[in-house]
Amino acid sequence: MPRLGNEPMGAVHVPHTVIVSNVGILTWSEEELVIEPEPAEVGRAVCVVSGGRLAFRRVLEVRGHKLRLRADIAPFDEWWDRPIVGCVKPRVIDRVAAVAPEAWTRANWEAALVYARVLAARSRLARRRHVEFTSRVLEHDEWNRVRDFWREACGRELHAKADAHQFVIGLFDGKRLIGANIHLVFGEQSYSAFTLVDRRYRGTGGGIWMIEHSLRVARERKLASMYVHINVRNLPSIRAYQRAGFVKKDWWTDPSDELASAERQWFVLEKDL
């Protein structure tokens, strides 16, 4: 996330230009935004610094020195009581949002949930085949195999290193690795940190198969609980973990970046063992 130099918050005197994407307000891919040193107004998009990065929010209410903010596509609003860097120079989309900012943010979030439900339903209907899965705990020297699978299955590198305190459940169709569930163990807790099923096998039950195997392993190792972070719009994954007995505990938060939770939109799901 870009920064605006080293100026202290509230000390910006001239407009700044920054190129951003996925920052809290709707943008067209990487878009150039002009930040103007103006006070916040209802409906305007403001730029603040949270966790050492820039965050952008729509202003829903100004109450003295406090602002009630909400991302354009987010599940909840947040209060901000520190200085702002400035306001985004209004674009056409900002002028539309400013007409009714409460309705704008709420409608965008509701539309995002509808879209997530459509995708989940389409995934369930698209795959009806039966697969004879097998799974096992992968050995430490199979880590490169996991990384290769990750790269092939989603086109991205797995940015994690093998850890002595982890265990990995591998999902197989015959001898072919088609899924991986990576757990990090902290004390008596297991964190289901990374889960991926080959897209050609999604919707066929592989995810829940790995989750149930990981629960058996955790119990064998005398762990007390297991938890996972899942995006609120990832309905298939939420459904799989709930089927395995996980319950929603709270929203994920980052104490060092108080605005991050509305952008990550992660549920914390947990299960006692």
C-alpha atoms as a PDB file:
ATOM      1  CA  MET A   1       0.000   0.000   0.000  1.00  0.00           C
ATOM      2  CA  PRO A   2       1.541   3.365  -0.959  1.00  0.00           C
ATOM      3  CA  ARG A   3       2.413   6.082   1.536  1.00  0.00           C
ATOM      4  CA  LEU A   4       2.387   9.860   1.222  1.00  0.00           C
ATOM      5  CA  GLY A   5       5.963  10.553   2.201  1.00  0.00           C
ATOM      6  CA  ASN A   6       6.879  11.213   5.848  1.00  0.00           C
ATOM      7  CA  GLU A   7       4.571  14.114   6.696  1.00  0.00           C
ATOM      8  CA  PRO A   8       2.834  13.832  10.069  1.00  0.00           C
ATOM      9  CA  MET A   9      -0.909  13.335   9.911  1.00  0.00           C
ATOM     10  CA  GLY A  10      -2.740  16.636   9.674  1.00  0.00           C
ATOM     11  CA  ALA A  11       0.294  18.430   8.199  1.00  0.00           C
ATOM     12  CA  VAL A  12      -0.572  17.998   4.506  1.00  0.00           C
ATOM     13  CA  HIS A  13      -0.871  21.387   2.799  1.00  0.00           C
ATOM     14  CA  VAL A  14      -0.964  20.618  -0.903  1.00  0.00           C
ATOM     15  CA  PRO A  15      -2.750  17.955  -2.970  1.00  0.00           C
ATOM     16  CA  HIS A  16      -1.008  14.619  -3.329  1.00  0.00           C
ATOM     17  CA  THR A  17      -1.513  12.051  -6.040  1.00  0.00           C
ATOM     18  CA  VAL A  18      -1.409   8.353  -5.264  1.00  0.00           C
ATOM     19  CA  ILE A  19      -2.085   5.265  -7.386  1.00  0.00           C
ATOM     20  CA  VAL A  20      -4.153   2.686  -5.512  1.00  0.00           C
ATOM     21  CA  SER A  21      -6.459  -0.313  -5.917  1.00  0.00           C
ATOM     22  CA  ASN A  22      -8.638  -2.252  -3.461  1.00  0.00           C
ATOM     23  CA  VAL A  23      -8.212   0.301  -0.712  1.00  0.00           C
ATOM     24  CA  GLY A  24     -11.720   0.630   0.708  1.00  0.00           C
ATOM     25  CA  ILE A  25     -13.456   2.740  -1.940  1.00  0.00           C
ATOM     26  CA  LEU A  26     -14.410   1.578  -5.409  1.00  0.00           C
ATOM     27  CA  THR A  27     -11.614   2.070  -7.933  1.00  0.00           C
ATOM     28  CA  TRP A  28     -11.037   0.980 -11.506  1.00  0.00           C
ATOM     29  CA  SER A  29      -8.121  -1.409 -11.064  1.00  0.00           C
ATOM     30  CA  GLU A  30      -5.081   0.796 -10.359  1.00  0.00           C
ATOM     31  CA  GLU A  31      -6.489   4.303 -10.277  1.00  0.00           C
ATOM     32  CA  GLU A  32      -4.870   7.654  -9.640  1.00  0.00           C
ATOM     33  CA  LEU A  33      -6.506   9.490  -6.749  1.00  0.00           C
ATOM     34  CA  VAL A  34      -5.885  13.112  -5.810  1.00  0.00           C
ATOM     35  CA  ILE A  35      -5.852  13.739  -2.057  1.00  0.00           C
ATOM     36  CA  GLU A  36      -6.859  17.298  -1.181  1.00  0.00           C
ATOM     37  CA  PRO A  37      -6.134  18.939   2.231  1.00  0.00           C
ATOM     38  CA  GLU A  38      -9.798  19.556   3.045  1.00  0.00           C
ATOM     39  CA  PRO A  39     -11.929  18.756   6.116  1.00  0.00           C
ATOM     40  CA  ALA A  40     -14.159  15.706   6.041  1.00  0.00           C
ATOM     41  CA  GLU A  41     -17.752  16.017   4.862  1.00  0.00           C
ATOM     42  CA  VAL A  42     -20.564  13.480   4.808  1.00  0.00           C
ATOM     43  CA  GLY A  43     -20.429  11.537   1.552  1.00  0.00           C
ATOM     44  CA  ARG A  44     -16.808  12.369   0.765  1.00  0.00           C
ATOM     45  CA  ALA A  45     -14.109   9.712   0.600  1.00  0.00           C
ATOM     46  CA  VAL A  46     -11.308  10.398   3.055  1.00  0.00           C
ATOM     47  CA  CYS A  47      -7.747   9.130   3.291  1.00  0.00           C
ATOM     48  CA  VAL A  48      -6.331   8.133   6.682  1.00  0.00           C
ATOM     49  CA  VAL A  49      -3.216   6.363   7.914  1.00  0.00           C
ATOM     50  CA  SER A  50      -3.836   3.104   9.773  1.00  0.00           C
ATOM     51  CA  GLY A  51      -1.156   0.574  10.571  1.00  0.00           C
ATOM     52  CA  GLY A  52       1.444   2.570   8.626  1.00  0.00           C
ATOM     53  CA  ARG A  53      -0.534   2.397   5.366  1.00  0.00           C
ATOM     54  CA  LEU A  54      -3.145   4.444   3.567  1.00  0.00           C
ATOM     55  CA  ALA A  55      -6.795   3.488   3.964  1.00  0.00           C
ATOM     56  CA  PHE A  56      -9.777   5.096   2.253  1.00  0.00           C
ATOM     57  CA  ARG A  57     -13.312   5.288   3.619  1.00  0.00           C
ATOM     58  CA  ARG A  58     -16.660   6.906   2.880  1.00  0.00           C
ATOM     59  CA  VAL A  59     -17.780   9.437   5.512  1.00  0.00           C
ATOM     60  CA  LEU A  60     -21.241   8.604   6.865  1.00  0.00           C
ATOM     61  CA  GLU A  61     -21.332  10.982   9.817  1.00  0.00           C
ATOM     62  CA  VAL A  62     -19.283  13.810  11.319  1.00  0.00           C
ATOM     63  CA  ARG A  63     -19.676  14.139  15.074  1.00  0.00           C
ATOM     64  CA  GLY A  64     -17.286  16.762  16.399  1.00  0.00           C
ATOM     65  CA  HIS A  65     -13.768  15.411  15.886  1.00  0.00           C
ATOM     66  CA  LYS A  66     -15.077  11.873  15.280  1.00  0.00           C
ATOM     67  CA  LEU A  67     -15.965  10.391  11.904  1.00  0.00           C
ATOM     68  CA  ARG A  68     -18.180   7.404  11.209  1.00  0.00           C
ATOM     69  CA  LEU A  69     -16.613   5.689   8.226  1.00  0.00           C
ATOM     70  CA  ARG A  70     -17.436   2.733   6.026  1.00  0.00           C
ATOM     71  CA  ALA A  71     -15.701   1.153   3.071  1.00  0.00           C
ATOM     72  CA  ASP A  72     -17.755   1.127  -0.120  1.00  0.00           C
ATOM     73  CA  ILE A  73     -18.041  -2.674   0.066  1.00  0.00           C
ATOM     74  CA  ALA A  74     -17.833  -3.689   3.718  1.00  0.00           C
ATOM     75  CA  PRO A  75     -19.988  -5.356   6.383  1.00  0.00           C
ATOM     76  CA  PHE A  76     -19.867  -2.611   9.018  1.00  0.00           C
ATOM     77  CA  ASP A  77     -18.903   0.980   9.745  1.00  0.00           C
ATOM     78  CA  GLU A  78     -16.110   2.193  12.038  1.00  0.00           C
ATOM     79  CA  TRP A  79     -15.384   5.253  14.150  1.00  0.00           C
ATOM     80  CA  TRP A  80     -12.244   7.303  13.555  1.00  0.00           C
ATOM     81  CA  ASP A  81     -11.099   9.953  16.038  1.00  0.00           C
ATOM     82  CA  ARG A  82      -7.680  10.873  14.662  1.00  0.00           C
ATOM     83  CA  PRO A  83      -6.656  13.348  11.947  1.00  0.00           C
ATOM     84  CA  ILE A  84      -7.184  12.565   8.273  1.00  0.00           C
ATOM     85  CA  VAL A  85      -4.649  13.000   5.494  1.00  0.00           C
ATOM     86  CA  GLY A  86      -7.320  14.637   3.357  1.00  0.00           C
ATOM     87  CA  CYS A  87     -10.307  14.060   1.092  1.00  0.00           C
ATOM     88  CA  VAL A  88     -10.286  12.347  -2.283  1.00  0.00           C
ATOM     89  CA  LYS A  89     -10.956  14.811  -5.092  1.00  0.00           C
ATOM     90  CA  PRO A  90     -14.481  13.759  -6.133  1.00  0.00           C
ATOM     91  CA  ARG A  91     -14.755  11.511  -9.148  1.00  0.00           C
ATOM     92  CA  VAL A  92     -18.057  10.800 -10.883  1.00  0.00           C
ATOM     93  CA  ILE A  93     -18.582   7.740  -8.692  1.00  0.00           C
ATOM     94  CA  ASP A  94     -17.932   9.810  -5.562  1.00  0.00           C
ATOM     95  CA  ARG A  95     -20.553  12.370  -6.565  1.00  0.00           C
ATOM     96  CA  VAL A  96     -23.088   9.565  -6.981  1.00  0.00           C
ATOM     97  CA  ALA A  97     -22.145   8.038  -3.601  1.00  0.00           C
ATOM     98  CA  ALA A  98     -22.404  11.418  -1.859  1.00  0.00           C
ATOM     99  CA  VAL A  99     -26.121  11.690  -2.721  1.00  0.00           C
ATOM    100  CA  ALA A 100     -26.951   8.967  -0.153  1.00  0.00           C
ATOM    101  CA  PRO A 101     -23.747   7.514   1.344  1.00  0.00           C
ATOM    102  CA  GLU A 102     -25.517   5.246   3.864  1.00  0.00           C
ATOM    103  CA  ALA A 103     -27.628   3.667   1.129  1.00  0.00           C
ATOM    104  CA  TRP A 104     -24.612   3.498  -1.191  1.00  0.00           C
ATOM    105  CA  THR A 105     -22.420   1.470   1.155  1.00  0.00           C
ATOM    106  CA  ARG A 106     -25.278  -0.734   2.345  1.00  0.00           C
ATOM    107  CA  ALA A 107     -26.458  -1.531  -1.196  1.00  0.00           C
ATOM    108  CA  ASN A 108     -22.917  -2.329  -2.352  1.00  0.00           C
ATOM    109  CA  TRP A 109     -22.464  -4.789   0.514  1.00  0.00           C
ATOM    110  CA  GLU A 110     -25.823  -6.450  -0.086  1.00  0.00           C
ATOM    111  CA  ALA A 111     -25.002  -6.785  -3.784  1.00  0.00           C
ATOM    112  CA  ALA A 112     -21.636  -8.363  -2.907  1.00  0.00           C
ATOM    113  CA  LEU A 113     -23.382 -10.950  -0.723  1.00  0.00           C
ATOM    114  CA  VAL A 114     -25.903 -11.762  -3.457  1.00  0.00           C
ATOM    115  CA  TYR A 115     -23.059 -12.253  -5.919  1.00  0.00           C
ATOM    116  CA  ALA A 116     -21.280 -14.560  -3.449  1.00  0.00           C
ATOM    117  CA  ARG A 117     -24.432 -16.662  -3.073  1.00  0.00           C
ATOM    118  CA  VAL A 118     -24.813 -16.940  -6.849  1.00  0.00           C
ATOM    119  CA  LEU A 119     -21.222 -18.123  -7.228  1.00  0.00           C
ATOM    120  CA  ALA A 120     -21.644 -20.661  -4.423  1.00  0.00           C
ATOM    121  CA  ALA A 121     -24.865 -22.023  -5.930  1.00  0.00           C
ATOM    122  CA  ARG A 122     -23.288 -22.286  -9.369  1.00  0.00           C
ATOM    123  CA  SER A 123     -20.346 -24.179  -7.900  1.00  0.00           C
ATOM    124  CA  ARG A 124     -22.653 -26.676  -6.170  1.00  0.00           C
ATOM    125  CA  LEU A 125     -24.650 -27.305  -9.336  1.00  0.00           C
ATOM    126  CA  ALA A 126     -21.635 -27.560 -11.634  1.00  0.00           C
ATOM    127  CA  ARG A 127     -19.988 -30.533  -9.922  1.00  0.00           C
ATOM    128  CA  ARG A 128     -21.938 -33.662  -9.129  1.00  0.00           C
ATOM    129  CA  ARG A 129     -19.294 -36.343  -9.729  1.00  0.00           C
ATOM    130  CA  HIS A 130     -18.163 -38.756  -7.072  1.00  0.00           C
ATOM    131  CA  VAL A 131     -14.489 -38.939  -6.168  1.00  0.00           C
ATOM    132  CA  GLU A 132     -12.852 -41.627  -4.036  1.00  0.00           C
ATOM    133  CA  PHE A 133     -10.659 -39.348  -1.938  1.00  0.00           C
ATOM    134  CA  THR A 134      -7.817 -40.422   0.278  1.00  0.00           C
ATOM    135  CA  SER A 135      -5.794 -38.222   2.612  1.00  0.00           C
ATOM    136  CA  ARG A 136      -2.773 -38.449   4.851  1.00  0.00           C
ATOM    137  CA  VAL A 137      -0.388 -36.306   6.849  1.00  0.00           C
ATOM    138  CA  LEU A 138       2.415 -35.277   4.524  1.00  0.00           C
ATOM    139  CA  GLU A 139       6.032 -35.778   5.517  1.00  0.00           C
ATOM    140  CA  HIS A 140       8.359 -32.848   6.094  1.00  0.00           C
ATOM    141  CA  ASP A 141      10.359 -33.681   2.950  1.00  0.00           C
ATOM    142  CA  GLU A 142       7.183 -33.376   0.826  1.00  0.00           C
ATOM    143  CA  TRP A 143       6.975 -29.614   1.341  1.00  0.00           C
ATOM    144  CA  ASN A 144       8.258 -28.858  -2.164  1.00  0.00           C
ATOM    145  CA  ARG A 145       5.474 -31.040  -3.528  1.00  0.00           C
ATOM    146  CA  VAL A 146       2.957 -28.883  -1.676  1.00  0.00           C
ATOM    147  CA  ARG A 147       4.495 -25.710  -3.093  1.00  0.00           C
ATOM    148  CA  ASP A 148       4.423 -27.149  -6.620  1.00  0.00           C
ATOM    149  CA  PHE A 149       0.773 -28.120  -6.203  1.00  0.00           C
ATOM    150  CA  TRP A 150      -0.082 -24.634  -4.942  1.00  0.00           C
ATOM    151  CA  ARG A 151       1.561 -22.979  -7.932  1.00  0.00           C
ATOM    152  CA  GLU A 152      -0.194 -25.295 -10.388  1.00  0.00           C
ATOM    153  CA  ALA A 153      -3.621 -25.151  -8.727  1.00  0.00           C
ATOM    154  CA  CYS A 154      -4.009 -21.387  -8.320  1.00  0.00           C
ATOM    155  CA  GLY A 155      -1.170 -19.797 -10.269  1.00  0.00           C
ATOM    156  CA  ARG A 156       0.368 -18.211  -7.162  1.00  0.00           C
ATOM    157  CA  GLU A 157       3.322 -19.007  -4.959  1.00  0.00           C
ATOM    158  CA  LEU A 158       2.677 -20.347  -1.470  1.00  0.00           C
ATOM    159  CA  HIS A 159       4.290 -17.681   0.672  1.00  0.00           C
ATOM    160  CA  ALA A 160       4.943 -19.922   3.639  1.00  0.00           C
ATOM    161  CA  LYS A 161       7.907 -21.955   4.780  1.00  0.00           C
ATOM    162  CA  ALA A 162       7.953 -25.427   6.270  1.00  0.00           C
ATOM    163  CA  ASP A 163       7.663 -25.130  10.046  1.00  0.00           C
ATOM    164  CA  ALA A 164       8.555 -27.665  12.694  1.00  0.00           C
ATOM    165  CA  HIS A 165       5.260 -26.943  14.489  1.00  0.00           C
ATOM    166  CA  GLN A 166       3.007 -27.469  11.489  1.00  0.00           C
ATOM    167  CA  PHE A 167       1.212 -30.438  10.025  1.00  0.00           C
ATOM    168  CA  VAL A 168      -0.141 -30.708   6.497  1.00  0.00           C
ATOM    169  CA  ILE A 169      -3.071 -32.803   5.335  1.00  0.00           C
ATOM    170  CA  GLY A 170      -2.722 -33.870   1.696  1.00  0.00           C
ATOM    171  CA  LEU A 171      -5.813 -34.770  -0.350  1.00  0.00           C
ATOM    172  CA  PHE A 172      -5.381 -37.328  -3.131  1.00  0.00           C
ATOM    173  CA  ASP A 173      -7.240 -38.702  -6.117  1.00  0.00           C
ATOM    174  CA  GLY A 174      -5.279 -41.886  -6.592  1.00  0.00           C
ATOM    175  CA  LYS A 175      -1.645 -40.797  -6.403  1.00  0.00           C
ATOM    176  CA  ARG A 176      -2.349 -37.244  -7.516  1.00  0.00           C
ATOM    177  CA  LEU A 177      -2.172 -34.487  -4.897  1.00  0.00           C
ATOM    178  CA  ILE A 178      -5.344 -32.418  -5.373  1.00  0.00           C
ATOM    179  CA  GLY A 179      -5.586 -30.520  -2.091  1.00  0.00           C
ATOM    180  CA  ALA A 180      -3.660 -29.339   0.944  1.00  0.00           C
ATOM    181  CA  ASN A 181      -4.654 -28.088   4.381  1.00  0.00           C
ATOM    182  CA  ILE A 182      -1.744 -26.503   6.276  1.00  0.00           C
ATOM    183  CA  HIS A 183      -1.977 -26.163  10.064  1.00  0.00           C
ATOM    184  CA  LEU A 184       0.257 -24.129  12.357  1.00  0.00           C
ATOM    185  CA  VAL A 185       0.311 -25.234  15.986  1.00  0.00           C
ATOM    186  CA  PHE A 186       0.610 -22.666  18.776  1.00  0.00           C
ATOM    187  CA  GLY A 187       0.631 -24.244  22.212  1.00  0.00           C
ATOM    188  CA  GLU A 188      -2.639 -26.187  22.444  1.00  0.00           C
ATOM    189  CA  GLN A 189      -4.237 -24.488  19.433  1.00  0.00           C
ATOM    190  CA  SER A 190      -4.112 -25.411  15.767  1.00  0.00           C
ATOM    191  CA  TYR A 191      -4.572 -22.660  13.185  1.00  0.00           C
ATOM    192  CA  SER A 192      -5.869 -23.823   9.796  1.00  0.00           C
ATOM    193  CA  ALA A 193      -3.753 -21.291   7.948  1.00  0.00           C
ATOM    194  CA  PHE A 194      -3.926 -22.371   4.296  1.00  0.00           C
ATOM    195  CA  THR A 195      -6.449 -24.559   2.493  1.00  0.00           C
ATOM    196  CA  LEU A 196      -6.673 -25.203  -1.228  1.00  0.00           C
ATOM    197  CA  VAL A 197      -8.450 -27.751  -3.418  1.00  0.00           C
ATOM    198  CA  ASP A 198      -7.682 -28.060  -7.125  1.00  0.00           C
ATOM    199  CA  ARG A 199     -10.396 -26.097  -8.950  1.00  0.00           C
ATOM    200  CA  ARG A 200     -11.339 -29.200 -10.944  1.00  0.00           C
ATOM    201  CA  TYR A 201     -12.331 -30.929  -7.688  1.00  0.00           C
ATOM    202  CA  ARG A 202     -14.087 -28.097  -5.877  1.00  0.00           C
ATOM    203  CA  GLY A 203     -17.620 -28.823  -4.828  1.00  0.00           C
ATOM    204  CA  THR A 204     -16.997 -32.565  -4.555  1.00  0.00           C
ATOM    205  CA  GLY A 205     -16.399 -32.748  -0.798  1.00  0.00           C
ATOM    206  CA  GLY A 206     -12.607 -32.599  -0.697  1.00  0.00           C
ATOM    207  CA  GLY A 207     -12.507 -29.597   1.620  1.00  0.00           C
ATOM    208  CA  ILE A 208     -14.645 -31.164   4.347  1.00  0.00           C
ATOM    209  CA  TRP A 209     -12.676 -34.407   3.961  1.00  0.00           C
ATOM    210  CA  MET A 210      -9.415 -32.585   4.807  1.00  0.00           C
ATOM    211  CA  ILE A 211     -11.009 -30.664   7.671  1.00  0.00           C
ATOM    212  CA  GLU A 212     -12.277 -33.855   9.309  1.00  0.00           C
ATOM    213  CA  HIS A 213      -8.859 -35.504   8.894  1.00  0.00           C
ATOM    214  CA  SER A 214      -7.139 -32.471  10.446  1.00  0.00           C
ATOM    215  CA  LEU A 215      -9.497 -32.679  13.446  1.00  0.00           C
ATOM    216  CA  ARG A 216      -8.529 -36.303  13.999  1.00  0.00           C
ATOM    217  CA  VAL A 217      -4.840 -35.396  13.868  1.00  0.00           C
ATOM    218  CA  ALA A 218      -5.331 -32.505  16.303  1.00  0.00           C
ATOM    219  CA  ARG A 219      -7.123 -34.770  18.776  1.00  0.00           C
ATOM    220  CA  GLU A 220      -4.384 -37.388  18.480  1.00  0.00           C
ATOM    221  CA  ARG A 221      -1.875 -34.668  19.370  1.00  0.00           C
ATOM    222  CA  LYS A 222      -3.950 -33.658  22.424  1.00  0.00           C
ATOM    223  CA  LEU A 223      -4.667 -30.159  21.156  1.00  0.00           C
ATOM    224  CA  ALA A 224      -7.472 -28.198  22.808  1.00  0.00           C
ATOM    225  CA  SER A 225      -8.957 -26.241  19.900  1.00  0.00           C
ATOM    226  CA  MET A 226      -8.708 -25.359  16.236  1.00  0.00           C
ATOM    227  CA  TYR A 227      -9.519 -22.072  14.507  1.00  0.00           C
ATOM    228  CA  VAL A 228      -9.576 -20.604  11.026  1.00  0.00           C
ATOM    229  CA  HIS A 229     -10.009 -17.225   9.322  1.00  0.00           C
ATOM    230  CA  ILE A 230     -12.401 -17.190   6.354  1.00  0.00           C
ATOM    231  CA  ASN A 231     -13.609 -14.337   4.190  1.00  0.00           C
ATOM    232  CA  VAL A 232     -17.285 -13.718   4.911  1.00  0.00           C
ATOM    233  CA  ARG A 233     -18.084 -14.101   1.207  1.00  0.00           C
ATOM    234  CA  ASN A 234     -16.346 -17.481   0.888  1.00  0.00           C
ATOM    235  CA  LEU A 235     -19.607 -19.319   1.508  1.00  0.00           C
ATOM    236  CA  PRO A 236     -18.438 -22.823   0.464  1.00  0.00           C
ATOM    237  CA  SER A 237     -15.541 -22.746   2.940  1.00  0.00           C
ATOM    238  CA  ILE A 238     -17.713 -21.378   5.748  1.00  0.00           C
ATOM    239  CA  ARG A 239     -20.275 -24.100   5.071  1.00  0.00           C
ATOM    240  CA  ALA A 240     -17.583 -26.818   5.121  1.00  0.00           C
ATOM    241  CA  TYR A 241     -16.148 -25.721   8.466  1.00  0.00           C
ATOM    242  CA  GLN A 242     -19.586 -25.317  10.018  1.00  0.00           C
ATOM    243  CA  ARG A 243     -20.489 -28.840   8.901  1.00  0.00           C
ATOM    244  CA  ALA A 244     -17.421 -29.980  10.837  1.00  0.00           C
ATOM    245  CA  GLY A 245     -18.703 -28.246  13.981  1.00  0.00           C
ATOM    246  CA  PHE A 246     -16.901 -24.888  13.837  1.00  0.00           C
ATOM    247  CA  VAL A 247     -18.782 -21.836  15.117  1.00  0.00           C
ATOM    248  CA  LYS A 248     -18.313 -18.145  14.396  1.00  0.00           C
ATOM    249  CA  LYS A 249     -16.534 -16.401  17.253  1.00  0.00           C
ATOM    250  CA  ASP A 250     -15.889 -12.894  16.015  1.00  0.00           C
ATOM    251  CA  TRP A 251     -14.445 -10.771  13.238  1.00  0.00           C
ATOM    252  CA  TRP A 252     -10.698 -10.943  12.686  1.00  0.00           C
ATOM    253  CA  THR A 253      -8.940  -7.788  13.865  1.00  0.00           C
ATOM    254  CA  ASP A 254      -5.411  -6.435  13.826  1.00  0.00           C
ATOM    255  CA  PRO A 255      -4.564  -4.318  16.911  1.00  0.00           C
ATOM    256  CA  SER A 256      -1.894  -2.448  14.933  1.00  0.00           C
ATOM    257  CA  ASP A 257      -4.267  -1.595  12.061  1.00  0.00           C
ATOM    258  CA  GLU A 258      -7.752  -0.864  13.331  1.00  0.00           C
ATOM    259  CA  LEU A 259      -9.263  -0.370   9.859  1.00  0.00           C
ATOM    260  CA  ALA A 260      -7.978  -3.639   8.404  1.00  0.00           C
ATOM    261  CA  SER A 261     -10.883  -5.862   9.482  1.00  0.00           C
ATOM    262  CA  ALA A 262     -13.426  -4.205   7.166  1.00  0.00           C
ATOM    263  CA  GLU A 263     -11.078  -4.767   4.228  1.00  0.00           C
ATOM    264  CA  ARG A 264     -10.092  -8.359   5.093  1.00  0.00           C
ATOM    265  CA  GLN A 265     -13.676  -9.266   6.070  1.00  0.00           C
ATOM    266  CA  TRP A 266     -12.593 -12.453   7.834  1.00  0.00           C
ATOM    267  CA  PHE A 267     -14.729 -14.450  10.224  1.00  0.00           C
ATOM    268  CA  VAL A 268     -12.925 -16.261  13.038  1.00  0.00           C
ATOM    269  CA  LEU A 269     -14.390 -19.771  13.293  1.00  0.00           C
ATOM    270  CA  GLU A 270     -13.334 -22.052  16.137  1.00  0.00           C
ATOM    271  CA  LYS A 271     -13.958 -25.561  17.415  1.00  0.00           C
ATOM    272  CA  ASP A 272     -13.109 -27.010  20.819  1.00  0.00           C
ATOM    273  CA  LEU A 273     -11.568 -30.462  20.650  1.00  0.00           C
END
